[in-house]
């Protein structure tokens, strides 16, 4: 990815500025001369993205970056931001904008500026690379940004307070329509301790946007900089994130279908319970995972609020019944994560060359459950494939029914099923007995599978 800022260096030797000045694309004052403000390149002019012609003009320059191998674009400083000793660090409010001919000033355009810059980039990429999905990350935006770009939570401090604030910030963005967001792991400005960095990394591994990043003058932030113990823990977090990618990908597809965010507040399934309205230190990832990150220094266990249902601790399979509260151990190497009973959690295991799909089936106490898996070519606009797995439990007997839609082949030749919440003695796939190993089976796709305890 390459960073693209809206501030264009005021230098007639610079092609973008020279062409923009001649075509009148920059935001102007009352006399229509370009407004200039200092940003990273020095004095800069700003394209008027409220004009559709300017958006098309700006979009032409992405072609050169695509030719150079850029796979994505990071829109920064796009509030728009300007360096100022006092007052608002943006363009003067009387700055004129076109608004496609009707006219207006920066009081109206300011909140729209980042959104319209993202639109300019998105529409250009759809034209320049029609067989690829545009990827834009935007620091700023407005209602509807999710149509064009991802987002991150900005330049936050490297403190425990900033870590705690990340959860309600991401949840607020999620229920406002911004599905794809996340923080700079460890905070942007400052020096996190190894503990703070690891707790941040663990939480962010369960958020859509997952990166470690910091200001240029801060100490190095790679996991190896925090010592051997922290490096070993970070390595396992990264492996877990990679394993979760089929689940994340399915949730991303679902967000496109229904608009439901990947990360959800605890009141999402049923807003009638006021006890869940103010929970700001836990979140759902989809409807299968409940994540309770560690947000306090020195904490090695924490109280977790459980919504209704049966919940299985990730790793230990210890069961808890909700609603209620439960105390869960949280040693430095892990944070509390629980899986809802009655769900199928798809994980990717094995190597990149020989991936295996492992379906973790968390048995419902009674009745039915379900799981969903979406897969496609990984880029472009092929129709994809949706696999649905339905669970029915009758006593100690589980029956799975697998149906598929779409022409895309399943990108796994080996499928494993691991059963949680009930011990399995016998199994059959499409009527044929199959060996049970470690409370699971290895198979391919199937129509029905039966497990008996």
Foldseek 3Di string as FASTA:
>chain_A
DEEDEQFADCDCVDVVNVVCQVVLFFFAAPVSDFDWAQDDVGTGTGGQLLAVVSLQVVLVVVLVVVVVPDQAYEYPCFLVAGDDPDDGRDTPFRTKHQNHPPIDTCVVCSQARQLSNLVSNQVSCCVNPVQFHYEYEYAHHHQPSLVGYAYEPDQFAQDLVSLLVQQVVQQVCQVSLRQAYYYAQRGADDDHALLSNLLSQQVRLLGRDHHHYYDPPYPDDPQVVRDDVSVVLSVVSVVVSQFQVQVSVFQVVVCVVPVHHQKHFPCVVPVPDPVRPPPRQWIHRHQFKIFRGDSDPPDFKDKDADAAAWKAWPPPRDIDGDHDIDIGTHHSSHGTMITGAQEWRWTWDDDPVAIEIETEHRHGPAAKHKYKGWDDPPTGDAPTKIKIWMWHDDPQKIKIFIDMDHDGDDPHAKYKYAYGDHAFDWKAFPRHTADADNRIGIDGDGGMMMTGD
